[in-house]
Each structure stands twice: as C-alpha cells, then as structure tokens.
Amino acid sequence: MQAFCGTLGVSFEVGLEETGTYFSLTQNFVGPNPFPVDILVGKDGKIAYITREYDPPAITEMIEKLLAE
C-alpha cells in the first residue's frame, strides 16, 4: 500500500485494515452493501461527506461546495 501511495504522491496518512476474509472485513460495515464507501475530506482535514451509495451528482455537488469554501 505504501509503495502504491508513493507512486501517486499521496502526502497524507493512509490506513489499511488487515483482514483475512471477506466476512471479517464486512463485520466492520453494517448494512446490505458495505462497498464502496466514498469519503470526502474538507480543507480543514475533517470528514465532510461520507456515503456507501455511489451517487455521482451528489458527490460532484459536495466537491464543488467544498472547493468554494
């Protein structure tokens, strides 16, 4: 993971949850669809938006709002 993030030039901390099976991974995510999880972080470094359902118009709207702040 670190090597991959290095190739992208990521300068923030990246967490990786180590699990051996799909079952153990999904235990941390309650609901019918644990993947994907979309998270947007504001300029202040705090989570500004999180969702489990991929909704391009909603994500675009939130990105535009965060960039305007």
C-alpha atoms as a PDB file:
ATOM      1  CA  MET A   1       0.000   0.000   0.000  1.00  0.00           C
ATOM      2  CA  GLN A   2       2.780   2.418   0.889  1.00  0.00           C
ATOM      3  CA  ALA A   3       4.538   1.847  -2.433  1.00  0.00           C
ATOM      4  CA  PHE A   4       1.309   2.361  -4.352  1.00  0.00           C
ATOM      5  CA  CYS A   5       0.523   5.582  -2.472  1.00  0.00           C
ATOM      6  CA  GLY A   6       4.082   6.745  -3.088  1.00  0.00           C
ATOM      7  CA  THR A   7       3.597   6.439  -6.835  1.00  0.00           C
ATOM      8  CA  LEU A   8       0.529   8.653  -6.547  1.00  0.00           C
ATOM      9  CA  GLY A   9       2.323  11.290  -4.500  1.00  0.00           C
ATOM     10  CA  VAL A  10      -0.036  10.862  -1.540  1.00  0.00           C
ATOM     11  CA  SER A  11       1.170  13.063   1.313  1.00  0.00           C
ATOM     12  CA  PHE A  12      -1.372  12.103   3.962  1.00  0.00           C
ATOM     13  CA  GLU A  13      -1.656   9.047   6.179  1.00  0.00           C
ATOM     14  CA  VAL A  14      -3.408   6.051   4.662  1.00  0.00           C
ATOM     15  CA  GLY A  15      -4.924   3.351   6.822  1.00  0.00           C
ATOM     16  CA  LEU A  16      -5.176  -0.232   5.697  1.00  0.00           C
ATOM     17  CA  GLU A  17      -7.345  -2.684   7.513  1.00  0.00           C
ATOM     18  CA  GLU A  18      -5.801  -6.104   7.550  1.00  0.00           C
ATOM     19  CA  THR A  19      -8.358  -8.861   7.309  1.00  0.00           C
ATOM     20  CA  GLY A  20      -8.084 -12.399   6.134  1.00  0.00           C
ATOM     21  CA  THR A  21     -11.520 -12.912   4.658  1.00  0.00           C
ATOM     22  CA  TYR A  22     -14.396 -11.002   3.126  1.00  0.00           C
ATOM     23  CA  PHE A  23     -16.526 -11.972   6.135  1.00  0.00           C
ATOM     24  CA  SER A  24     -14.101 -10.444   8.645  1.00  0.00           C
ATOM     25  CA  LEU A  25     -13.856  -7.244   6.575  1.00  0.00           C
ATOM     26  CA  THR A  26     -17.623  -6.802   6.286  1.00  0.00           C
ATOM     27  CA  GLN A  27     -18.082  -7.152  10.049  1.00  0.00           C
ATOM     28  CA  ASN A  28     -16.884  -3.547  10.351  1.00  0.00           C
ATOM     29  CA  PHE A  29     -19.548  -2.258   7.939  1.00  0.00           C
ATOM     30  CA  VAL A  30     -23.183  -2.703   8.899  1.00  0.00           C
ATOM     31  CA  GLY A  31     -25.696  -2.719   6.066  1.00  0.00           C
ATOM     32  CA  PRO A  32     -26.539  -4.582   2.900  1.00  0.00           C
ATOM     33  CA  ASN A  33     -23.771  -3.041   0.781  1.00  0.00           C
ATOM     34  CA  PRO A  34     -20.511  -2.437   2.638  1.00  0.00           C
ATOM     35  CA  PHE A  35     -18.656  -1.394  -0.529  1.00  0.00           C
ATOM     36  CA  PRO A  36     -17.889   1.127  -1.855  1.00  0.00           C
ATOM     37  CA  VAL A  37     -17.540   3.819   0.763  1.00  0.00           C
ATOM     38  CA  ASP A  38     -16.981   7.339  -0.542  1.00  0.00           C
ATOM     39  CA  ILE A  39     -15.397   9.852   1.822  1.00  0.00           C
ATOM     40  CA  LEU A  40     -14.648  13.499   1.090  1.00  0.00           C
ATOM     41  CA  VAL A  41     -12.339  15.441   3.372  1.00  0.00           C
ATOM     42  CA  GLY A  42     -12.612  19.204   3.651  1.00  0.00           C
ATOM     43  CA  LYS A  43      -9.741  21.688   3.526  1.00  0.00           C
ATOM     44  CA  ASP A  44      -9.736  21.630   7.324  1.00  0.00           C
ATOM     45  CA  GLY A  45      -8.850  17.937   7.273  1.00  0.00           C
ATOM     46  CA  LYS A  46     -12.191  16.805   8.690  1.00  0.00           C
ATOM     47  CA  ILE A  47     -14.580  14.391   7.040  1.00  0.00           C
ATOM     48  CA  ALA A  48     -17.185  16.470   5.235  1.00  0.00           C
ATOM     49  CA  TYR A  49     -19.121  13.756   3.406  1.00  0.00           C
ATOM     50  CA  ILE A  50     -19.410  10.011   3.679  1.00  0.00           C
ATOM     51  CA  THR A  51     -21.710   7.632   1.861  1.00  0.00           C
ATOM     52  CA  ARG A  52     -21.927   3.987   0.921  1.00  0.00           C
ATOM     53  CA  GLU A  53     -24.013   4.536  -2.179  1.00  0.00           C
ATOM     54  CA  TYR A  54     -22.195   5.873  -5.235  1.00  0.00           C
ATOM     55  CA  ASP A  55     -24.117   8.951  -6.359  1.00  0.00           C
ATOM     56  CA  PRO A  56     -22.066  10.984  -8.875  1.00  0.00           C
ATOM     57  CA  PRO A  57     -24.342  14.076  -8.861  1.00  0.00           C
ATOM     58  CA  ALA A  58     -24.324  14.249  -5.050  1.00  0.00           C
ATOM     59  CA  ILE A  59     -20.556  13.774  -4.855  1.00  0.00           C
ATOM     60  CA  THR A  60     -19.972  16.399  -7.552  1.00  0.00           C
ATOM     61  CA  GLU A  61     -22.218  18.852  -5.719  1.00  0.00           C
ATOM     62  CA  MET A  62     -20.366  18.273  -2.450  1.00  0.00           C
ATOM     63  CA  ILE A  63     -16.953  18.634  -4.114  1.00  0.00           C
ATOM     64  CA  GLU A  64     -17.996  21.935  -5.647  1.00  0.00           C
ATOM     65  CA  LYS A  65     -19.306  23.129  -2.279  1.00  0.00           C
ATOM     66  CA  LEU A  66     -16.074  22.146  -0.504  1.00  0.00           C
ATOM     67  CA  LEU A  67     -13.907  23.806  -3.146  1.00  0.00           C
ATOM     68  CA  ALA A  68     -15.900  27.027  -2.767  1.00  0.00           C
ATOM     69  CA  GLU A  69     -15.204  27.188   0.988  1.00  0.00           C
END
